[in-house]
Amino acid sequence: MTILWKTASLDKVGKILSIKKCTVHSADLEIVDKLFIQPSFVANVGMSGGPLISENRLIGLMSFGLPSDSIIKKEVYAISINEILEALKR
């Protein structure tokens, strides 16, 4: 199953700023070459694992935000639901 969405599409609370493959290395997170979605909203600690919904469809799960040492995250990223579905097939 492939879910498609438009880059910079408007939604009720924001828009999608970017969709790109990323690799993340940190003390508690290791993600290699996975598709991430960057929404336009600011988030806070505790949103990780929550849904990212666009046009009433689940498109990702909130993963991490930057700056990492701040409670308020000015940049947030969700891992694409397509990546999650592929991992569950394995």
N, C-alpha and C. Protein backbone atom coordinates (compact mmCIF):
# COMPACT_ATOMS: atom_id res chain seq x y z
N MET A 1 0.84 -1.18 0.00
CA MET A 1 0.00 0.00 0.00
C MET A 1 0.88 1.24 0.00
N THR A 2 0.65 2.14 -0.90
CA THR A 2 1.39 3.39 -0.97
C THR A 2 0.43 4.54 -0.76
N ILE A 3 0.79 5.43 0.14
CA ILE A 3 -0.03 6.60 0.43
C ILE A 3 0.69 7.81 -0.13
N LEU A 4 0.00 8.59 -0.92
CA LEU A 4 0.60 9.76 -1.55
C LEU A 4 0.01 11.03 -0.95
N TRP A 5 0.78 12.08 -0.90
CA TRP A 5 0.31 13.38 -0.46
C TRP A 5 1.10 14.45 -1.19
N LYS A 6 0.62 15.66 -1.14
CA LYS A 6 1.26 16.76 -1.86
C LYS A 6 2.19 17.52 -0.93
N THR A 7 3.37 17.87 -1.42
CA THR A 7 4.28 18.72 -0.66
C THR A 7 3.66 20.11 -0.54
N ALA A 8 3.79 20.69 0.63
CA ALA A 8 3.26 22.03 0.93
C ALA A 8 1.74 22.10 0.77
N SER A 9 1.06 20.99 1.00
CA SER A 9 -0.40 21.03 0.94
C SER A 9 -0.94 21.63 2.23
N LEU A 10 -1.93 22.47 2.12
CA LEU A 10 -2.50 23.11 3.29
C LEU A 10 -3.41 22.15 4.02
N ASP A 11 -3.43 22.24 5.32
CA ASP A 11 -4.29 21.43 6.17
C ASP A 11 -4.90 22.39 7.18
N LYS A 12 -5.73 21.89 8.07
CA LYS A 12 -6.40 22.77 9.04
C LYS A 12 -5.43 23.47 9.98
N VAL A 13 -4.31 22.84 10.29
CA VAL A 13 -3.38 23.43 11.25
C VAL A 13 -2.01 23.73 10.66
N GLY A 14 -1.80 23.54 9.40
CA GLY A 14 -0.50 23.82 8.82
C GLY A 14 -0.34 23.22 7.45
N LYS A 15 0.92 23.02 7.08
CA LYS A 15 1.21 22.43 5.78
C LYS A 15 2.44 21.53 5.90
N ILE A 16 2.66 20.74 4.90
CA ILE A 16 3.83 19.88 4.85
C ILE A 16 4.95 20.68 4.18
N LEU A 17 6.04 20.89 4.93
CA LEU A 17 7.15 21.69 4.40
C LEU A 17 8.08 20.88 3.51
N SER A 18 8.34 19.62 3.90
CA SER A 18 9.23 18.80 3.09
C SER A 18 8.96 17.32 3.33
N ILE A 19 9.31 16.54 2.34
CA ILE A 19 9.27 15.08 2.41
C ILE A 19 10.58 14.61 1.83
N LYS A 20 11.41 13.95 2.67
CA LYS A 20 12.73 13.55 2.18
C LYS A 20 13.27 12.36 2.96
N LYS A 21 14.20 11.65 2.33
CA LYS A 21 14.90 10.54 2.98
C LYS A 21 15.96 11.14 3.90
N CYS A 22 16.04 10.60 5.12
CA CYS A 22 16.99 11.11 6.11
C CYS A 22 17.64 9.96 6.86
N THR A 23 18.82 10.25 7.39
CA THR A 23 19.50 9.37 8.33
C THR A 23 19.73 10.18 9.60
N VAL A 24 19.35 9.59 10.74
CA VAL A 24 19.46 10.28 12.02
C VAL A 24 20.30 9.43 12.96
N HIS A 25 21.35 10.02 13.51
CA HIS A 25 22.19 9.37 14.52
C HIS A 25 22.23 10.26 15.74
N SER A 26 21.83 9.73 16.88
CA SER A 26 21.95 10.47 18.13
C SER A 26 22.14 9.45 19.26
N ALA A 27 22.25 9.94 20.47
CA ALA A 27 22.49 9.06 21.62
C ALA A 27 21.37 8.03 21.79
N ASP A 28 20.13 8.42 21.50
CA ASP A 28 19.01 7.50 21.73
C ASP A 28 18.19 7.20 20.47
N LEU A 29 18.72 7.54 19.29
CA LEU A 29 17.95 7.35 18.06
C LEU A 29 18.87 7.01 16.91
N GLU A 30 18.57 5.94 16.20
CA GLU A 30 19.35 5.52 15.03
C GLU A 30 18.36 5.15 13.93
N ILE A 31 18.23 6.01 12.94
CA ILE A 31 17.34 5.78 11.81
C ILE A 31 18.15 5.99 10.54
N VAL A 32 18.15 5.01 9.66
CA VAL A 32 19.00 5.08 8.47
C VAL A 32 18.15 5.07 7.20
N ASP A 33 18.31 6.12 6.39
CA ASP A 33 17.72 6.23 5.06
C ASP A 33 16.22 5.94 5.03
N LYS A 34 15.46 6.67 5.83
CA LYS A 34 14.00 6.51 5.89
C LYS A 34 13.32 7.80 5.46
N LEU A 35 12.10 7.66 4.98
CA LEU A 35 11.34 8.80 4.49
C LEU A 35 10.70 9.55 5.65
N PHE A 36 11.00 10.85 5.77
CA PHE A 36 10.46 11.69 6.83
C PHE A 36 9.65 12.83 6.24
N ILE A 37 8.66 13.27 7.00
CA ILE A 37 7.78 14.37 6.64
C ILE A 37 8.00 15.48 7.66
N GLN A 38 8.21 16.70 7.18
CA GLN A 38 8.36 17.85 8.08
C GLN A 38 7.13 18.72 7.97
N PRO A 39 6.26 18.72 9.00
CA PRO A 39 5.10 19.61 9.00
C PRO A 39 5.51 21.01 9.47
N SER A 40 4.64 21.96 9.25
CA SER A 40 4.96 23.36 9.56
C SER A 40 4.75 23.75 11.02
N PHE A 41 4.09 22.93 11.80
CA PHE A 41 3.78 23.35 13.17
C PHE A 41 4.93 23.14 14.14
N VAL A 42 4.88 23.87 15.25
CA VAL A 42 5.82 23.74 16.36
C VAL A 42 5.22 22.70 17.30
N ALA A 43 6.06 21.86 17.89
CA ALA A 43 5.57 20.81 18.77
C ALA A 43 6.26 20.89 20.13
N ASN A 44 5.87 20.00 21.01
CA ASN A 44 6.51 19.94 22.32
C ASN A 44 6.84 18.49 22.67
N VAL A 45 7.62 18.31 23.71
CA VAL A 45 7.99 16.98 24.18
C VAL A 45 6.71 16.21 24.48
N GLY A 46 6.67 14.97 24.10
CA GLY A 46 5.50 14.13 24.36
C GLY A 46 4.68 13.82 23.13
N MET A 47 4.97 14.48 22.02
CA MET A 47 4.22 14.22 20.80
C MET A 47 4.77 13.02 20.02
N SER A 48 5.95 12.54 20.37
CA SER A 48 6.54 11.39 19.68
C SER A 48 5.61 10.19 19.76
N GLY A 49 5.43 9.55 18.62
CA GLY A 49 4.54 8.39 18.54
C GLY A 49 3.12 8.75 18.18
N GLY A 50 2.80 10.03 18.21
CA GLY A 50 1.45 10.47 17.85
C GLY A 50 1.27 10.52 16.34
N PRO A 51 0.04 10.56 15.88
CA PRO A 51 -0.24 10.54 14.45
C PRO A 51 0.01 11.88 13.77
N LEU A 52 0.42 11.81 12.51
CA LEU A 52 0.45 12.99 11.64
C LEU A 52 -0.63 12.73 10.59
N ILE A 53 -1.64 13.57 10.61
CA ILE A 53 -2.81 13.37 9.76
C ILE A 53 -2.91 14.53 8.77
N SER A 54 -3.20 14.19 7.52
CA SER A 54 -3.41 15.18 6.47
C SER A 54 -4.62 14.75 5.64
N GLU A 55 -5.53 15.66 5.44
CA GLU A 55 -6.74 15.38 4.66
C GLU A 55 -7.45 14.13 5.18
N ASN A 56 -7.56 14.04 6.51
CA ASN A 56 -8.23 12.94 7.21
C ASN A 56 -7.59 11.58 7.00
N ARG A 57 -6.29 11.56 6.65
CA ARG A 57 -5.57 10.30 6.45
C ARG A 57 -4.30 10.30 7.28
N LEU A 58 -3.99 9.15 7.86
CA LEU A 58 -2.75 8.98 8.60
C LEU A 58 -1.61 8.92 7.59
N ILE A 59 -0.66 9.85 7.70
CA ILE A 59 0.47 9.85 6.76
C ILE A 59 1.80 9.60 7.45
N GLY A 60 1.82 9.64 8.80
CA GLY A 60 3.06 9.38 9.51
C GLY A 60 2.87 9.34 11.00
N LEU A 61 3.95 8.97 11.69
CA LEU A 61 3.98 9.01 13.15
C LEU A 61 5.07 9.96 13.57
N MET A 62 4.75 10.86 14.49
CA MET A 62 5.71 11.84 14.97
C MET A 62 6.91 11.12 15.56
N SER A 63 8.10 11.57 15.20
CA SER A 63 9.30 10.87 15.61
C SER A 63 10.22 11.72 16.49
N PHE A 64 10.68 12.86 15.98
CA PHE A 64 11.62 13.66 16.76
C PHE A 64 11.50 15.13 16.39
N GLY A 65 12.09 15.98 17.24
CA GLY A 65 12.07 17.41 16.99
C GLY A 65 13.41 18.04 17.33
N LEU A 66 13.61 19.23 16.80
CA LEU A 66 14.85 19.98 17.02
C LEU A 66 14.51 21.38 17.52
N PRO A 67 15.26 21.98 18.37
CA PRO A 67 16.49 21.46 18.98
C PRO A 67 16.18 20.37 19.98
N SER A 68 17.06 19.38 20.06
CA SER A 68 16.82 18.21 20.90
C SER A 68 16.83 18.52 22.39
N ASP A 69 17.49 19.58 22.79
CA ASP A 69 17.60 19.93 24.22
C ASP A 69 16.52 20.92 24.67
N SER A 70 15.48 21.10 23.88
CA SER A 70 14.44 22.06 24.19
C SER A 70 13.09 21.37 24.35
N ILE A 71 12.25 21.88 25.24
CA ILE A 71 10.90 21.34 25.40
C ILE A 71 10.05 21.69 24.19
N ILE A 72 10.20 22.91 23.68
CA ILE A 72 9.49 23.34 22.47
C ILE A 72 10.36 23.03 21.26
N LYS A 73 9.81 22.28 20.32
CA LYS A 73 10.55 21.87 19.13
C LYS A 73 10.13 22.74 17.94
N LYS A 74 11.07 23.51 17.41
CA LYS A 74 10.77 24.41 16.30
C LYS A 74 10.71 23.68 14.96
N GLU A 75 11.42 22.55 14.87
CA GLU A 75 11.34 21.68 13.69
C GLU A 75 10.94 20.31 14.18
N VAL A 76 9.92 19.73 13.57
CA VAL A 76 9.49 18.38 13.94
C VAL A 76 9.44 17.51 12.70
N TYR A 77 9.60 16.21 12.92
CA TYR A 77 9.63 15.26 11.82
C TYR A 77 8.82 14.03 12.17
N ALA A 78 8.12 13.53 11.19
CA ALA A 78 7.35 12.30 11.34
C ALA A 78 7.89 11.27 10.35
N ILE A 79 7.95 10.02 10.78
CA ILE A 79 8.36 8.97 9.85
C ILE A 79 7.13 8.58 9.03
N SER A 80 7.33 8.44 7.75
CA SER A 80 6.23 8.14 6.82
C SER A 80 5.53 6.84 7.18
N ILE A 81 4.22 6.82 7.09
CA ILE A 81 3.46 5.61 7.36
C ILE A 81 3.89 4.49 6.40
N ASN A 82 4.33 4.85 5.19
CA ASN A 82 4.81 3.83 4.25
C ASN A 82 6.03 3.10 4.80
N GLU A 83 6.93 3.82 5.46
CA GLU A 83 8.11 3.20 6.06
C GLU A 83 7.69 2.25 7.18
N ILE A 84 6.72 2.65 7.96
CA ILE A 84 6.25 1.82 9.07
C ILE A 84 5.59 0.55 8.55
N LEU A 85 4.75 0.69 7.52
CA LEU A 85 4.09 -0.49 6.95
C LEU A 85 5.09 -1.46 6.35
N GLU A 86 6.14 -0.95 5.71
CA GLU A 86 7.18 -1.82 5.16
C GLU A 86 7.91 -2.57 6.26
N ALA A 87 8.21 -1.89 7.36
CA ALA A 87 8.90 -2.53 8.48
C ALA A 87 8.04 -3.62 9.11
N LEU A 88 6.73 -3.40 9.17
CA LEU A 88 5.83 -4.41 9.76
C LEU A 88 5.72 -5.66 8.89
N LYS A 89 5.94 -5.52 7.60
CA LYS A 89 5.89 -6.68 6.69
C LYS A 89 7.06 -7.63 6.93
N ARG A 90 8.19 -7.11 7.43
CA ARG A 90 9.39 -7.93 7.62
C ARG A 90 9.27 -8.86 8.78
